[in-house]
Every structure is written in structure tokens, then in C-alpha cells.
Amino acid sequence: MWGGLKKSVSPVTRVPSVRTPHRSYSTAFEERIEKVEEREVKQIDIEDGDFYYDDKGRFVMTSQYHLKRGHCCGNGCKHCPYDYENVREPGRSRLLARRQAEEAKQQQ
């Protein structure tokens, strides 16, 4: 009669409500894939000078790479040329202070 939908009554307002049928995981996954395909994904080729490995073996992206990407990712990258505009406070202030201290140290 209801085509697989369950009719229930809300206990607070006593207004009949109809639940939507359960979507399978594969359907939800396919919908998400379609959304990703619809968005234009910007692929950036990594070239020499776009990264280096620091003394602890960490992969560090340079400002050259960040400028190619075109925006601040908000992760607090060491070489962010966008002054950490997408980093939440108080992290942004701390990172900017650290950068200013390093620049002052290099000038001396």
C-alpha cells in the first residue's frame, strides 16, 4: 500500500510522517562519484623546485608550488605565500609571529 515506505507518528507533535526508503551504499557512492566528476578538479604537475625534504625527512612544498595551486589550503604550510588566510585562529597568529621571528633572525 505504501510502496515500501513506513508510516509513523511523531511522539511529540502527533503528526504523521513518512520515512524515506533506505538507499543502498552503492547508490550513495555512485551519487558521490557523480558529484566529484561534475566538479572541475585542478591537477597540478609537480616539478623540480616545488618541494624538498627537510632534515627530518618530511615532504615540504615550496611557495612556488603554493602559487601554482592558487589558494591557501589552511594547513599552516611553512612556505604559504598567502599569509595563512584560511588557517583558523589562534593558529594563524602563531604562524605569522613565527614567520616574522624567522625573518628577523635571518636579517641579523
N, C-alpha and C. Protein backbone atom coordinates (compact mmCIF):
# COMPACT_ATOMS: atom_id res chain seq x y z
N MET A 1 0.80 -1.18 0.00
CA MET A 1 0.00 0.00 0.00
C MET A 1 0.85 1.25 0.00
N TRP A 2 1.90 1.30 0.84
CA TRP A 2 2.75 2.48 0.91
C TRP A 2 3.98 2.35 0.02
N GLY A 3 4.13 1.29 -0.72
CA GLY A 3 5.26 1.14 -1.62
C GLY A 3 6.60 1.01 -0.91
N GLY A 4 6.63 0.32 0.20
CA GLY A 4 7.89 0.12 0.92
C GLY A 4 8.19 1.21 1.93
N LEU A 5 7.39 2.24 2.00
CA LEU A 5 7.61 3.31 2.96
C LEU A 5 6.84 3.01 4.23
N LYS A 6 7.43 3.33 5.36
CA LYS A 6 6.77 3.09 6.63
C LYS A 6 6.11 4.38 7.09
N LYS A 7 4.90 4.26 7.58
CA LYS A 7 4.20 5.40 8.12
C LYS A 7 4.37 5.37 9.63
N SER A 8 4.80 6.52 10.18
CA SER A 8 4.98 6.58 11.63
C SER A 8 4.38 7.88 12.14
N VAL A 9 4.17 7.90 13.43
CA VAL A 9 3.61 9.09 14.06
C VAL A 9 4.66 9.65 15.01
N SER A 10 4.94 10.92 14.86
CA SER A 10 5.91 11.57 15.72
C SER A 10 5.34 11.64 17.14
N PRO A 11 6.11 11.21 18.16
CA PRO A 11 5.58 11.20 19.52
C PRO A 11 5.38 12.60 20.10
N VAL A 12 6.05 13.60 19.59
CA VAL A 12 5.96 14.94 20.17
C VAL A 12 4.76 15.69 19.62
N THR A 13 4.63 15.73 18.30
CA THR A 13 3.58 16.55 17.70
C THR A 13 2.37 15.73 17.24
N ARG A 14 2.51 14.44 17.22
CA ARG A 14 1.46 13.55 16.76
C ARG A 14 1.03 13.83 15.32
N VAL A 15 2.01 14.24 14.52
CA VAL A 15 1.75 14.48 13.11
C VAL A 15 2.32 13.29 12.34
N PRO A 16 1.51 12.69 11.47
CA PRO A 16 2.04 11.55 10.71
C PRO A 16 3.22 11.98 9.84
N SER A 17 4.26 11.16 9.81
CA SER A 17 5.42 11.43 8.95
C SER A 17 5.71 10.18 8.14
N VAL A 18 6.32 10.38 7.00
CA VAL A 18 6.65 9.27 6.12
C VAL A 18 8.17 9.20 6.02
N ARG A 19 8.73 8.05 6.32
CA ARG A 19 10.17 7.86 6.21
C ARG A 19 10.54 7.52 4.78
N THR A 20 11.67 8.01 4.37
CA THR A 20 12.14 7.68 3.03
C THR A 20 12.75 6.29 3.05
N PRO A 21 12.69 5.58 1.96
CA PRO A 21 13.29 4.24 1.93
C PRO A 21 14.81 4.34 2.05
N HIS A 22 15.43 3.32 2.60
CA HIS A 22 16.87 3.28 2.78
C HIS A 22 17.57 3.14 1.44
N ARG A 23 18.53 4.04 1.20
CA ARG A 23 19.32 3.93 -0.02
C ARG A 23 20.46 2.96 0.23
N SER A 24 20.80 2.22 -0.77
CA SER A 24 21.92 1.29 -0.62
C SER A 24 23.22 2.09 -0.64
N TYR A 25 24.28 1.50 -0.07
CA TYR A 25 25.56 2.16 -0.05
C TYR A 25 26.08 2.39 -1.46
N SER A 26 25.83 1.45 -2.35
CA SER A 26 26.33 1.61 -3.72
C SER A 26 25.67 2.80 -4.40
N THR A 27 24.38 3.04 -4.15
CA THR A 27 23.71 4.18 -4.74
C THR A 27 24.29 5.48 -4.21
N ALA A 28 24.51 5.56 -2.91
CA ALA A 28 25.09 6.75 -2.31
C ALA A 28 26.51 6.98 -2.84
N PHE A 29 27.27 5.91 -3.00
CA PHE A 29 28.62 6.01 -3.52
C PHE A 29 28.60 6.52 -4.96
N GLU A 30 27.69 5.99 -5.79
CA GLU A 30 27.58 6.43 -7.17
C GLU A 30 27.21 7.91 -7.26
N GLU A 31 26.33 8.36 -6.38
CA GLU A 31 25.95 9.77 -6.37
C GLU A 31 27.14 10.65 -6.00
N ARG A 32 27.95 10.20 -5.05
CA ARG A 32 29.13 10.97 -4.65
C ARG A 32 30.14 11.03 -5.79
N ILE A 33 30.33 9.93 -6.49
CA ILE A 33 31.25 9.90 -7.64
C ILE A 33 30.78 10.88 -8.70
N GLU A 34 29.48 10.93 -8.97
CA GLU A 34 28.95 11.86 -9.96
C GLU A 34 29.23 13.31 -9.56
N LYS A 35 29.08 13.63 -8.26
CA LYS A 35 29.35 14.99 -7.80
C LYS A 35 30.81 15.35 -7.99
N VAL A 36 31.71 14.41 -7.70
CA VAL A 36 33.14 14.67 -7.87
C VAL A 36 33.46 14.88 -9.34
N GLU A 37 32.85 14.08 -10.22
CA GLU A 37 33.10 14.22 -11.65
C GLU A 37 32.57 15.54 -12.18
N GLU A 38 31.49 16.05 -11.58
CA GLU A 38 30.93 17.32 -12.03
C GLU A 38 31.85 18.48 -11.70
N ARG A 39 32.49 18.42 -10.53
CA ARG A 39 33.40 19.49 -10.14
C ARG A 39 34.64 19.45 -11.01
N GLU A 40 35.16 20.63 -11.30
CA GLU A 40 36.40 20.70 -12.05
C GLU A 40 37.55 20.55 -11.06
N VAL A 41 38.30 19.48 -11.21
CA VAL A 41 39.40 19.21 -10.32
C VAL A 41 40.68 19.73 -10.97
N LYS A 42 41.37 20.62 -10.27
CA LYS A 42 42.58 21.21 -10.80
C LYS A 42 43.76 20.30 -10.49
N GLN A 43 44.36 19.76 -11.51
CA GLN A 43 45.53 18.91 -11.35
C GLN A 43 46.78 19.77 -11.52
N ILE A 44 47.72 19.66 -10.60
CA ILE A 44 48.94 20.44 -10.65
C ILE A 44 50.11 19.48 -10.84
N ASP A 45 50.89 19.73 -11.87
CA ASP A 45 52.08 18.92 -12.09
C ASP A 45 53.17 19.36 -11.14
N ILE A 46 53.77 18.41 -10.45
CA ILE A 46 54.85 18.71 -9.52
C ILE A 46 56.16 18.66 -10.29
N GLU A 47 56.91 19.75 -10.23
CA GLU A 47 58.17 19.87 -10.95
C GLU A 47 59.30 20.08 -9.97
N ASP A 48 60.52 20.16 -10.51
CA ASP A 48 61.68 20.47 -9.66
C ASP A 48 61.49 21.85 -9.06
N GLY A 49 61.81 21.98 -7.80
CA GLY A 49 61.66 23.25 -7.10
C GLY A 49 60.32 23.41 -6.41
N ASP A 50 59.41 22.46 -6.61
CA ASP A 50 58.10 22.54 -5.97
C ASP A 50 58.10 21.95 -4.56
N PHE A 51 59.12 21.16 -4.24
CA PHE A 51 59.18 20.54 -2.92
C PHE A 51 60.62 20.20 -2.57
N TYR A 52 60.82 19.89 -1.30
CA TYR A 52 62.09 19.36 -0.83
C TYR A 52 61.81 18.53 0.41
N TYR A 53 62.80 17.79 0.85
CA TYR A 53 62.70 17.01 2.08
C TYR A 53 63.51 17.72 3.16
N ASP A 54 62.91 17.97 4.31
CA ASP A 54 63.65 18.65 5.38
C ASP A 54 64.55 17.65 6.11
N ASP A 55 65.26 18.13 7.14
CA ASP A 55 66.22 17.29 7.85
C ASP A 55 65.57 16.12 8.59
N LYS A 56 64.26 16.19 8.83
CA LYS A 56 63.55 15.09 9.47
C LYS A 56 62.92 14.14 8.46
N GLY A 57 63.13 14.40 7.15
CA GLY A 57 62.61 13.54 6.10
C GLY A 57 61.18 13.86 5.69
N ARG A 58 60.67 15.00 6.14
CA ARG A 58 59.30 15.38 5.78
C ARG A 58 59.27 16.04 4.41
N PHE A 59 58.20 15.79 3.69
CA PHE A 59 57.95 16.35 2.37
C PHE A 59 57.43 17.77 2.54
N VAL A 60 58.14 18.79 2.03
CA VAL A 60 57.78 20.19 2.23
C VAL A 60 57.54 20.84 0.88
N MET A 61 56.34 21.40 0.69
CA MET A 61 56.02 22.10 -0.55
C MET A 61 56.53 23.53 -0.47
N THR A 62 57.11 24.02 -1.57
CA THR A 62 57.66 25.37 -1.59
C THR A 62 56.58 26.38 -1.96
N SER A 63 56.92 27.67 -1.84
CA SER A 63 55.96 28.72 -2.21
C SER A 63 55.66 28.67 -3.71
N GLN A 64 56.61 28.20 -4.50
CA GLN A 64 56.38 28.05 -5.94
C GLN A 64 55.19 27.13 -6.20
N TYR A 65 55.13 26.02 -5.48
CA TYR A 65 54.01 25.09 -5.63
C TYR A 65 52.71 25.73 -5.15
N HIS A 66 52.76 26.41 -4.00
CA HIS A 66 51.54 27.03 -3.45
C HIS A 66 50.99 28.09 -4.40
N LEU A 67 51.86 28.85 -5.06
CA LEU A 67 51.40 29.85 -6.02
C LEU A 67 50.73 29.19 -7.22
N LYS A 68 51.23 28.02 -7.63
CA LYS A 68 50.59 27.28 -8.73
C LYS A 68 49.19 26.83 -8.32
N ARG A 69 49.05 26.40 -7.06
CA ARG A 69 47.76 25.92 -6.58
C ARG A 69 46.75 27.07 -6.55
N GLY A 70 47.19 28.24 -6.15
CA GLY A 70 46.35 29.41 -6.25
C GLY A 70 45.53 29.80 -5.04
N HIS A 71 45.69 29.10 -3.92
CA HIS A 71 44.95 29.45 -2.70
C HIS A 71 45.62 28.82 -1.48
N CYS A 72 45.26 29.36 -0.33
CA CYS A 72 45.76 28.80 0.94
C CYS A 72 44.90 27.59 1.30
N CYS A 73 45.54 26.47 1.62
CA CYS A 73 44.80 25.25 1.95
C CYS A 73 44.35 25.23 3.41
N GLY A 74 44.93 26.09 4.26
CA GLY A 74 44.52 26.14 5.66
C GLY A 74 45.26 25.18 6.56
N ASN A 75 46.31 24.52 6.06
CA ASN A 75 47.05 23.56 6.87
C ASN A 75 48.25 24.16 7.60
N GLY A 76 48.51 25.43 7.39
CA GLY A 76 49.65 26.07 8.06
C GLY A 76 50.98 25.69 7.44
N CYS A 77 51.04 25.60 6.12
CA CYS A 77 52.27 25.20 5.42
C CYS A 77 53.38 26.21 5.67
N LYS A 78 54.59 25.72 5.79
CA LYS A 78 55.73 26.56 6.12
C LYS A 78 55.95 27.68 5.11
N HIS A 79 55.77 27.41 3.84
CA HIS A 79 56.06 28.38 2.79
C HIS A 79 54.80 29.00 2.19
N CYS A 80 53.74 29.12 2.94
CA CYS A 80 52.47 29.67 2.43
C CYS A 80 52.66 31.12 2.02
N PRO A 81 52.46 31.44 0.72
CA PRO A 81 52.60 32.83 0.27
C PRO A 81 51.34 33.66 0.49
N TYR A 82 50.31 33.07 1.05
CA TYR A 82 49.02 33.75 1.23
C TYR A 82 48.78 34.19 2.67
N ASP A 83 49.84 34.27 3.47
CA ASP A 83 49.76 34.69 4.87
C ASP A 83 48.73 33.90 5.67
N TYR A 84 48.63 32.62 5.39
CA TYR A 84 47.79 31.69 6.16
C TYR A 84 46.34 32.16 6.24
N GLU A 85 45.79 32.69 5.16
CA GLU A 85 44.45 33.29 5.22
C GLU A 85 43.34 32.30 5.56
N ASN A 86 43.52 31.01 5.32
CA ASN A 86 42.47 30.04 5.65
C ASN A 86 42.75 29.24 6.92
N VAL A 87 43.78 29.62 7.67
CA VAL A 87 44.11 28.94 8.94
C VAL A 87 43.30 29.60 10.05
N ARG A 88 42.68 28.79 10.89
CA ARG A 88 41.87 29.32 11.99
C ARG A 88 42.74 29.93 13.07
N GLU A 89 42.16 30.89 13.77
CA GLU A 89 42.82 31.50 14.94
C GLU A 89 42.72 30.52 16.11
N PRO A 90 43.64 30.47 16.99
CA PRO A 90 44.83 31.29 17.16
C PRO A 90 46.03 30.80 16.37
N GLY A 91 45.85 29.73 15.60
CA GLY A 91 46.95 29.16 14.82
C GLY A 91 47.54 30.14 13.82
N ARG A 92 46.69 30.92 13.18
CA ARG A 92 47.17 31.87 12.17
C ARG A 92 48.11 32.89 12.81
N SER A 93 47.71 33.47 13.92
CA SER A 93 48.54 34.46 14.60
C SER A 93 49.87 33.86 15.04
N ARG A 94 49.84 32.64 15.53
CA ARG A 94 51.07 31.96 15.97
C ARG A 94 52.01 31.73 14.79
N LEU A 95 51.45 31.29 13.65
CA LEU A 95 52.27 31.04 12.47
C LEU A 95 52.87 32.33 11.91
N LEU A 96 52.08 33.40 11.88
CA LEU A 96 52.59 34.68 11.40
C LEU A 96 53.69 35.22 12.31
N ALA A 97 53.53 35.07 13.62
CA ALA A 97 54.56 35.51 14.57
C ALA A 97 55.84 34.70 14.38
N ARG A 98 55.70 33.40 14.17
CA ARG A 98 56.87 32.55 13.94
C ARG A 98 57.60 32.96 12.67
N ARG A 99 56.84 33.25 11.61
CA ARG A 99 57.44 33.66 10.35
C ARG A 99 58.20 34.99 10.51
N GLN A 100 57.59 35.94 11.23
CA GLN A 100 58.25 37.23 11.46
C GLN A 100 59.52 37.06 12.27
N ALA A 101 59.50 36.19 13.25
CA ALA A 101 60.69 35.94 14.06
C ALA A 101 61.81 35.32 13.21
N GLU A 102 61.46 34.39 12.33
CA GLU A 102 62.46 33.77 11.45
C GLU A 102 63.05 34.78 10.48
N GLU A 103 62.20 35.67 9.94
CA GLU A 103 62.70 36.69 9.02
C GLU A 103 63.61 37.68 9.74
N ALA A 104 63.26 38.07 10.97
CA ALA A 104 64.10 38.97 11.74
C ALA A 104 65.45 38.32 12.06
N LYS A 105 65.43 37.03 12.36
CA LYS A 105 66.65 36.30 12.67
C LYS A 105 67.57 36.23 11.44
N GLN A 106 66.97 36.05 10.26
CA GLN A 106 67.76 35.95 9.03
C GLN A 106 68.36 37.30 8.65
N GLN A 107 67.70 38.41 8.99
CA GLN A 107 68.21 39.74 8.65
C GLN A 107 69.39 40.14 9.52
N GLN A 108 69.52 39.55 10.68
CA GLN A 108 70.63 39.91 11.60
C GLN A 108 71.91 39.26 11.22
